[in-house]
Amino acid sequence: MCAIIGAVLNNPTSDDFELLKQLFIQSSIRGLHATGYSYVKAGVVETRKGPEEASTFLLNKNFKDCVDDNVLHLIGHCRYSTS
């Protein structure tokens, strides 16, 4: 099982960023083994990912850094490792 998260936010606020963070954390029940997201900035897709659950992964991340021209385009995941 995995979680897929998507967001397009115009003029996002700090409340929007907190809600997005909480969405990742609540979705981590679907995947505790890895977390990541990709976003568009200056026409380039940037990706951040790590082999950890969302609450740990997001400690040093700020979604405000992903905003381009007052718009956030982001897709993310919480992954469950299978064998």
PDB file of N, CA and C in Angstrom:
ATOM      1  N   MET A   1       0.842  -1.182   0.000  1.00  0.00           N
ATOM      2  CA  MET A   1       0.000   0.000   0.000  1.00  0.00           C
ATOM      3  C   MET A   1       0.884   1.241   0.000  1.00  0.00           C
ATOM      4  N   CYS A   2       0.421   2.260  -0.662  1.00  0.00           N
ATOM      5  CA  CYS A   2       1.127   3.534  -0.715  1.00  0.00           C
ATOM      6  C   CYS A   2       0.108   4.663  -0.696  1.00  0.00           C
ATOM      7  N   ALA A   3       0.589   5.857  -0.456  1.00  0.00           N
ATOM      8  CA  ALA A   3      -0.268   7.045  -0.503  1.00  0.00           C
ATOM      9  C   ALA A   3       0.258   7.978  -1.578  1.00  0.00           C
ATOM     10  N   ILE A   4      -0.648   8.558  -2.337  1.00  0.00           N
ATOM     11  CA  ILE A   4      -0.315   9.558  -3.351  1.00  0.00           C
ATOM     12  C   ILE A   4      -1.016  10.849  -2.959  1.00  0.00           C
ATOM     13  N   ILE A   5      -0.274  11.953  -2.976  1.00  0.00           N
ATOM     14  CA  ILE A   5      -0.797  13.247  -2.563  1.00  0.00           C
ATOM     15  C   ILE A   5      -0.522  14.243  -3.679  1.00  0.00           C
ATOM     16  N   GLY A   6      -1.514  15.031  -4.032  1.00  0.00           N
ATOM     17  CA  GLY A   6      -1.333  16.060  -5.045  1.00  0.00           C
ATOM     18  C   GLY A   6      -1.919  17.371  -4.580  1.00  0.00           C
ATOM     19  N   ALA A   7      -1.286  18.473  -4.981  1.00  0.00           N
ATOM     20  CA  ALA A   7      -1.785  19.794  -4.592  1.00  0.00           C
ATOM     21  C   ALA A   7      -1.432  20.830  -5.642  1.00  0.00           C
ATOM     22  N   VAL A   8      -2.410  21.669  -5.946  1.00  0.00           N
ATOM     23  CA  VAL A   8      -2.188  22.885  -6.722  1.00  0.00           C
ATOM     24  C   VAL A   8      -2.805  24.003  -5.895  1.00  0.00           C
ATOM     25  N   LEU A   9      -1.961  24.893  -5.398  1.00  0.00           N
ATOM     26  CA  LEU A   9      -2.420  25.955  -4.510  1.00  0.00           C
ATOM     27  C   LEU A   9      -2.005  27.315  -5.057  1.00  0.00           C
ATOM     28  N   ASN A  10      -2.976  28.195  -5.245  1.00  0.00           N
ATOM     29  CA  ASN A  10      -2.697  29.567  -5.657  1.00  0.00           C
ATOM     30  C   ASN A  10      -2.559  30.435  -4.418  1.00  0.00           C
ATOM     31  N   ASN A  11      -1.501  31.225  -4.360  1.00  0.00           N
ATOM     32  CA  ASN A  11      -1.226  32.098  -3.218  1.00  0.00           C
ATOM     33  C   ASN A  11      -1.326  31.341  -1.895  1.00  0.00           C
ATOM     34  N   PRO A  12      -0.571  30.250  -1.730  1.00  0.00           N
ATOM     35  CA  PRO A  12      -0.680  29.447  -0.515  1.00  0.00           C
ATOM     36  C   PRO A  12      -0.248  30.219   0.727  1.00  0.00           C
ATOM     37  N   THR A  13      -0.919  29.919   1.829  1.00  0.00           N
ATOM     38  CA  THR A  13      -0.637  30.560   3.108  1.00  0.00           C
ATOM     39  C   THR A  13       0.090  29.573   4.018  1.00  0.00           C
ATOM     40  N   SER A  14       0.541  30.053   5.161  1.00  0.00           N
ATOM     41  CA  SER A  14       1.193  29.167   6.125  1.00  0.00           C
ATOM     42  C   SER A  14       0.220  28.084   6.597  1.00  0.00           C
ATOM     43  N   ASP A  15      -1.075  28.414   6.675  1.00  0.00           N
ATOM     44  CA  ASP A  15      -2.083  27.401   7.021  1.00  0.00           C
ATOM     45  C   ASP A  15      -2.166  26.317   5.954  1.00  0.00           C
ATOM     46  N   ASP A  16      -2.055  26.711   4.686  1.00  0.00           N
ATOM     47  CA  ASP A  16      -2.055  25.733   3.591  1.00  0.00           C
ATOM     48  C   ASP A  16      -0.852  24.793   3.706  1.00  0.00           C
ATOM     49  N   PHE A  17       0.327  25.351   4.009  1.00  0.00           N
ATOM     50  CA  PHE A  17       1.530  24.525   4.142  1.00  0.00           C
ATOM     51  C   PHE A  17       1.408  23.559   5.313  1.00  0.00           C
ATOM     52  N   GLU A  18       0.826  24.022   6.410  1.00  0.00           N
ATOM     53  CA  GLU A  18       0.626  23.158   7.577  1.00  0.00           C
ATOM     54  C   GLU A  18      -0.377  22.046   7.252  1.00  0.00           C
ATOM     55  N   LEU A  19      -1.438  22.374   6.536  1.00  0.00           N
ATOM     56  CA  LEU A  19      -2.421  21.367   6.145  1.00  0.00           C
ATOM     57  C   LEU A  19      -1.779  20.320   5.236  1.00  0.00           C
ATOM     58  N   LEU A  20      -0.946  20.752   4.308  1.00  0.00           N
ATOM     59  CA  LEU A  20      -0.256  19.827   3.411  1.00  0.00           C
ATOM     60  C   LEU A  20       0.684  18.914   4.207  1.00  0.00           C
ATOM     61  N   LYS A  21       1.404  19.485   5.165  1.00  0.00           N
ATOM     62  CA  LYS A  21       2.280  18.690   6.025  1.00  0.00           C
ATOM     63  C   LYS A  21       1.472  17.643   6.791  1.00  0.00           C
ATOM     64  N   GLN A  22       0.348  18.050   7.347  1.00  0.00           N
ATOM     65  CA  GLN A  22      -0.493  17.118   8.092  1.00  0.00           C
ATOM     66  C   GLN A  22      -1.075  16.040   7.184  1.00  0.00           C
ATOM     67  N   LEU A  23      -1.366  16.384   5.943  1.00  0.00           N
ATOM     68  CA  LEU A  23      -1.849  15.400   4.983  1.00  0.00           C
ATOM     69  C   LEU A  23      -0.798  14.324   4.742  1.00  0.00           C
ATOM     70  N   PHE A  24       0.461  14.725   4.602  1.00  0.00           N
ATOM     71  CA  PHE A  24       1.542  13.748   4.459  1.00  0.00           C
ATOM     72  C   PHE A  24       1.635  12.860   5.695  1.00  0.00           C
ATOM     73  N   ILE A  25       1.613  13.485   6.867  1.00  0.00           N
ATOM     74  CA  ILE A  25       1.759  12.726   8.111  1.00  0.00           C
ATOM     75  C   ILE A  25       0.601  11.749   8.301  1.00  0.00           C
ATOM     76  N   GLN A  26      -0.624  12.190   8.061  1.00  0.00           N
ATOM     77  CA  GLN A  26      -1.783  11.309   8.203  1.00  0.00           C
ATOM     78  C   GLN A  26      -1.780  10.203   7.143  1.00  0.00           C
ATOM     79  N   SER A  27      -1.235  10.494   5.973  1.00  0.00           N
ATOM     80  CA  SER A  27      -1.183   9.497   4.896  1.00  0.00           C
ATOM     81  C   SER A  27      -0.087   8.471   5.113  1.00  0.00           C
ATOM     82  N   SER A  28       0.830   8.751   6.029  1.00  0.00           N
ATOM     83  CA  SER A  28       1.948   7.833   6.230  1.00  0.00           C
ATOM     84  C   SER A  28       1.505   6.466   6.734  1.00  0.00           C
ATOM     85  N   ILE A  29       0.284   6.353   7.223  1.00  0.00           N
ATOM     86  CA  ILE A  29      -0.236   5.036   7.611  1.00  0.00           C
ATOM     87  C   ILE A  29      -0.261   4.099   6.394  1.00  0.00           C
ATOM     88  N   ARG A  30      -0.292   4.669   5.204  1.00  0.00           N
ATOM     89  CA  ARG A  30      -0.283   3.897   3.957  1.00  0.00           C
ATOM     90  C   ARG A  30       1.123   3.546   3.494  1.00  0.00           C
ATOM     91  N   GLY A  31       2.136   4.127   4.146  1.00  0.00           N
ATOM     92  CA  GLY A  31       3.513   3.838   3.760  1.00  0.00           C
ATOM     93  C   GLY A  31       4.505   4.501   4.701  1.00  0.00           C
ATOM     94  N   LEU A  32       5.165   3.686   5.515  1.00  0.00           N
ATOM     95  CA  LEU A  32       6.105   4.213   6.510  1.00  0.00           C
ATOM     96  C   LEU A  32       7.569   4.132   6.077  1.00  0.00           C
ATOM     97  N   HIS A  33       7.843   3.551   4.919  1.00  0.00           N
ATOM     98  CA  HIS A  33       9.225   3.249   4.573  1.00  0.00           C
ATOM     99  C   HIS A  33       9.928   4.318   3.742  1.00  0.00           C
ATOM    100  N   ALA A  34       9.188   5.167   3.079  1.00  0.00           N
ATOM    101  CA  ALA A  34       9.816   6.221   2.278  1.00  0.00           C
ATOM    102  C   ALA A  34       8.797   7.322   2.016  1.00  0.00           C
ATOM    103  N   THR A  35       9.300   8.536   1.874  1.00  0.00           N
ATOM    104  CA  THR A  35       8.450   9.693   1.606  1.00  0.00           C
ATOM    105  C   THR A  35       9.154  10.561   0.575  1.00  0.00           C
ATOM    106  N   GLY A  36       8.373  11.206  -0.263  1.00  0.00           N
ATOM    107  CA  GLY A  36       8.973  12.109  -1.237  1.00  0.00           C
ATOM    108  C   GLY A  36       7.943  12.984  -1.893  1.00  0.00           C
ATOM    109  N   TYR A  37       8.432  14.006  -2.576  1.00  0.00           N
ATOM    110  CA  TYR A  37       7.553  14.862  -3.359  1.00  0.00           C
ATOM    111  C   TYR A  37       8.336  15.509  -4.491  1.00  0.00           C
ATOM    112  N   SER A  38       7.612  15.877  -5.522  1.00  0.00           N
ATOM    113  CA  SER A  38       8.170  16.625  -6.647  1.00  0.00           C
ATOM    114  C   SER A  38       7.320  17.864  -6.847  1.00  0.00           C
ATOM    115  N   TYR A  39       7.962  18.926  -7.300  1.00  0.00           N
ATOM    116  CA  TYR A  39       7.275  20.190  -7.534  1.00  0.00           C
ATOM    117  C   TYR A  39       7.909  20.889  -8.724  1.00  0.00           C
ATOM    118  N   VAL A  40       7.193  21.849  -9.274  1.00  0.00           N
ATOM    119  CA  VAL A  40       7.686  22.595 -10.432  1.00  0.00           C
ATOM    120  C   VAL A  40       8.127  23.977  -9.970  1.00  0.00           C
ATOM    121  N   LYS A  41       9.370  24.340 -10.318  1.00  0.00           N
ATOM    122  CA  LYS A  41       9.890  25.665  -9.990  1.00  0.00           C
ATOM    123  C   LYS A  41      10.734  26.137 -11.165  1.00  0.00           C
ATOM    124  N   ALA A  42      10.405  27.289 -11.690  1.00  0.00           N
ATOM    125  CA  ALA A  42      11.109  27.866 -12.845  1.00  0.00           C
ATOM    126  C   ALA A  42      11.093  26.905 -14.037  1.00  0.00           C
ATOM    127  N   GLY A  43       9.977  26.193 -14.201  1.00  0.00           N
ATOM    128  CA  GLY A  43       9.822  25.291 -15.325  1.00  0.00           C
ATOM    129  C   GLY A  43      10.585  23.989 -15.212  1.00  0.00           C
ATOM    130  N   VAL A  44      11.156  23.728 -14.042  1.00  0.00           N
ATOM    131  CA  VAL A  44      11.940  22.519 -13.822  1.00  0.00           C
ATOM    132  C   VAL A  44      11.285  21.698 -12.709  1.00  0.00           C
ATOM    133  N   VAL A  45      11.213  20.385 -12.907  1.00  0.00           N
ATOM    134  CA  VAL A  45      10.677  19.497 -11.868  1.00  0.00           C
ATOM    135  C   VAL A  45      11.802  19.181 -10.882  1.00  0.00           C
ATOM    136  N   GLU A  46      11.581  19.521  -9.622  1.00  0.00           N
ATOM    137  CA  GLU A  46      12.529  19.244  -8.539  1.00  0.00           C
ATOM    138  C   GLU A  46      11.950  18.118  -7.688  1.00  0.00           C
ATOM    139  N   THR A  47      12.798  17.248  -7.176  1.00  0.00           N
ATOM    140  CA  THR A  47      12.346  16.109  -6.376  1.00  0.00           C
ATOM    141  C   THR A  47      13.126  16.033  -5.074  1.00  0.00           C
ATOM    142  N   ARG A  48      12.415  15.753  -4.006  1.00  0.00           N
ATOM    143  CA  ARG A  48      12.996  15.513  -2.689  1.00  0.00           C
ATOM    144  C   ARG A  48      12.426  14.185  -2.205  1.00  0.00           C
ATOM    145  N   LYS A  49      13.277  13.271  -1.751  1.00  0.00           N
ATOM    146  CA  LYS A  49      12.785  11.983  -1.265  1.00  0.00           C
ATOM    147  C   LYS A  49      13.759  11.426  -0.242  1.00  0.00           C
ATOM    148  N   GLY A  50      13.243  10.535   0.596  1.00  0.00           N
ATOM    149  CA  GLY A  50      14.081   9.923   1.603  1.00  0.00           C
ATOM    150  C   GLY A  50      13.494   8.625   2.113  1.00  0.00           C
ATOM    151  N   PRO A  51      14.343   7.742   2.643  1.00  0.00           N
ATOM    152  CA  PRO A  51      13.899   6.433   3.136  1.00  0.00           C
ATOM    153  C   PRO A  51      13.408   6.503   4.583  1.00  0.00           C
ATOM    154  N   GLU A  52      12.391   7.330   4.820  1.00  0.00           N
ATOM    155  CA  GLU A  52      11.888   7.522   6.183  1.00  0.00           C
ATOM    156  C   GLU A  52      10.424   7.914   6.147  1.00  0.00           C
ATOM    157  N   GLU A  53       9.773   7.779   7.289  1.00  0.00           N
ATOM    158  CA  GLU A  53       8.358   8.141   7.349  1.00  0.00           C
ATOM    159  C   GLU A  53       8.199   9.658   7.265  1.00  0.00           C
ATOM    160  N   ALA A  54       7.003  10.085   6.933  1.00  0.00           N
ATOM    161  CA  ALA A  54       6.729  11.488   6.629  1.00  0.00           C
ATOM    162  C   ALA A  54       7.089  12.434   7.770  1.00  0.00           C
ATOM    163  N   SER A  55       6.757  12.088   9.005  1.00  0.00           N
ATOM    164  CA  SER A  55       7.013  13.007  10.117  1.00  0.00           C
ATOM    165  C   SER A  55       8.503  13.311  10.265  1.00  0.00           C
ATOM    166  N   THR A  56       9.347  12.334  10.038  1.00  0.00           N
ATOM    167  CA  THR A  56      10.798  12.543  10.095  1.00  0.00           C
ATOM    168  C   THR A  56      11.293  13.257   8.843  1.00  0.00           C
ATOM    169  N   PHE A  57      10.833  12.816   7.689  1.00  0.00           N
ATOM    170  CA  PHE A  57      11.257  13.390   6.414  1.00  0.00           C
ATOM    171  C   PHE A  57      10.969  14.889   6.335  1.00  0.00           C
ATOM    172  N   LEU A  58       9.828  15.308   6.844  1.00  0.00           N
ATOM    173  CA  LEU A  58       9.406  16.706   6.696  1.00  0.00           C
ATOM    174  C   LEU A  58      10.006  17.653   7.732  1.00  0.00           C
ATOM    175  N   LEU A  59      10.779  17.136   8.686  1.00  0.00           N
ATOM    176  CA  LEU A  59      11.345  17.989   9.733  1.00  0.00           C
ATOM    177  C   LEU A  59      12.133  19.178   9.180  1.00  0.00           C
ATOM    178  N   ASN A  60      12.929  18.960   8.158  1.00  0.00           N
ATOM    179  CA  ASN A  60      13.781  20.017   7.605  1.00  0.00           C
ATOM    180  C   ASN A  60      13.305  20.512   6.247  1.00  0.00           C
ATOM    181  N   LYS A  61      12.050  20.277   5.934  1.00  0.00           N
ATOM    182  CA  LYS A  61      11.494  20.695   4.647  1.00  0.00           C
ATOM    183  C   LYS A  61      10.513  21.840   4.854  1.00  0.00           C
ATOM    184  N   ASN A  62      10.459  22.738   3.882  1.00  0.00           N
ATOM    185  CA  ASN A  62       9.536  23.868   3.932  1.00  0.00           C
ATOM    186  C   ASN A  62       8.849  23.971   2.576  1.00  0.00           C
ATOM    187  N   PHE A  63       7.550  23.720   2.541  1.00  0.00           N
ATOM    188  CA  PHE A  63       6.821  23.762   1.277  1.00  0.00           C
ATOM    189  C   PHE A  63       6.832  25.155   0.657  1.00  0.00           C
ATOM    190  N   LYS A  64       7.089  26.174   1.444  1.00  0.00           N
ATOM    191  CA  LYS A  64       7.171  27.535   0.905  1.00  0.00           C
ATOM    192  C   LYS A  64       8.282  27.636  -0.144  1.00  0.00           C
ATOM    193  N   ASP A  65       9.332  26.837   0.026  1.00  0.00           N
ATOM    194  CA  ASP A  65      10.439  26.826  -0.936  1.00  0.00           C
ATOM    195  C   ASP A  65      10.029  26.241  -2.288  1.00  0.00           C
ATOM    196  N   CYS A  66       8.889  25.581  -2.350  1.00  0.00           N
ATOM    197  CA  CYS A  66       8.420  24.936  -3.580  1.00  0.00           C
ATOM    198  C   CYS A  66       7.512  25.843  -4.413  1.00  0.00           C
ATOM    199  N   VAL A  67       7.182  27.000  -3.891  1.00  0.00           N
ATOM    200  CA  VAL A  67       6.247  27.910  -4.564  1.00  0.00           C
ATOM    201  C   VAL A  67       6.969  28.664  -5.681  1.00  0.00           C
ATOM    202  N   ASP A  68       6.316  28.756  -6.832  1.00  0.00           N
ATOM    203  CA  ASP A  68       6.855  29.481  -7.989  1.00  0.00           C
ATOM    204  C   ASP A  68       5.777  30.416  -8.525  1.00  0.00           C
ATOM    205  N   ASP A  69       6.054  31.696  -8.572  1.00  0.00           N
ATOM    206  CA  ASP A  69       5.078  32.698  -9.033  1.00  0.00           C
ATOM    207  C   ASP A  69       3.766  32.591  -8.262  1.00  0.00           C
ATOM    208  N   ASN A  70       3.865  32.430  -6.946  1.00  0.00           N
ATOM    209  CA  ASN A  70       2.708  32.362  -6.043  1.00  0.00           C
ATOM    210  C   ASN A  70       1.814  31.149  -6.271  1.00  0.00           C
ATOM    211  N   VAL A  71       2.343  30.108  -6.917  1.00  0.00           N
ATOM    212  CA  VAL A  71       1.577  28.877  -7.139  1.00  0.00           C
ATOM    213  C   VAL A  71       2.438  27.681  -6.723  1.00  0.00           C
ATOM    214  N   LEU A  72       1.809  26.732  -6.052  1.00  0.00           N
ATOM    215  CA  LEU A  72       2.466  25.486  -5.684  1.00  0.00           C
ATOM    216  C   LEU A  72       1.862  24.354  -6.508  1.00  0.00           C
ATOM    217  N   HIS A  73       2.709  23.668  -7.276  1.00  0.00           N
ATOM    218  CA  HIS A  73       2.322  22.458  -8.006  1.00  0.00           C
ATOM    219  C   HIS A  73       3.150  21.334  -7.398  1.00  0.00           C
ATOM    220  N   LEU A  74       2.510  20.409  -6.692  1.00  0.00           N
ATOM    221  CA  LEU A  74       3.246  19.391  -5.960  1.00  0.00           C
ATOM    222  C   LEU A  74       2.526  18.055  -6.037  1.00  0.00           C
ATOM    223  N   ILE A  75       3.310  16.998  -6.174  1.00  0.00           N
ATOM    224  CA  ILE A  75       2.789  15.638  -6.046  1.00  0.00           C
ATOM    225  C   ILE A  75       3.748  14.892  -5.128  1.00  0.00           C
ATOM    226  N   GLY A  76       3.178  14.086  -4.224  1.00  0.00           N
ATOM    227  CA  GLY A  76       4.022  13.393  -3.255  1.00  0.00           C
ATOM    228  C   GLY A  76       3.560  11.982  -3.000  1.00  0.00           C
ATOM    229  N   HIS A  77       4.362  11.269  -2.207  1.00  0.00           N
ATOM    230  CA  HIS A  77       4.016   9.889  -1.881  1.00  0.00           C
ATOM    231  C   HIS A  77       4.544   9.506  -0.498  1.00  0.00           C
ATOM    232  N   CYS A  78       3.879   8.539   0.087  1.00  0.00           N
ATOM    233  CA  CYS A  78       4.353   7.796   1.250  1.00  0.00           C
ATOM    234  C   CYS A  78       4.363   6.345   0.788  1.00  0.00           C
ATOM    235  N   ARG A  79       5.532   5.710   0.835  1.00  0.00           N
ATOM    236  CA  ARG A  79       5.665   4.393   0.221  1.00  0.00           C
ATOM    237  C   ARG A  79       5.849   3.308   1.271  1.00  0.00           C
ATOM    238  N   TYR A  80       5.216   2.196   1.014  1.00  0.00           N
ATOM    239  CA  TYR A  80       5.368   0.992   1.820  1.00  0.00           C
ATOM    240  C   TYR A  80       6.243   0.010   1.048  1.00  0.00           C
ATOM    241  N   SER A  81       7.321  -0.410   1.655  1.00  0.00           N
ATOM    242  CA  SER A  81       8.237  -1.335   0.990  1.00  0.00           C
ATOM    243  C   SER A  81       7.643  -2.746   0.960  1.00  0.00           C
ATOM    244  N   THR A  82       7.731  -3.387  -0.185  1.00  0.00           N
ATOM    245  CA  THR A  82       7.267  -4.771  -0.314  1.00  0.00           C
ATOM    246  C   THR A  82       8.422  -5.653  -0.760  1.00  0.00           C
ATOM    247  N   SER A  83       8.318  -6.903  -0.491  1.00  0.00           N
ATOM    248  CA  SER A  83       9.386  -7.823  -0.919  1.00  0.00           C
ATOM    249  C   SER A  83       8.832  -8.880  -1.839  1.00  0.00           C
TER     250      SER A  83
END
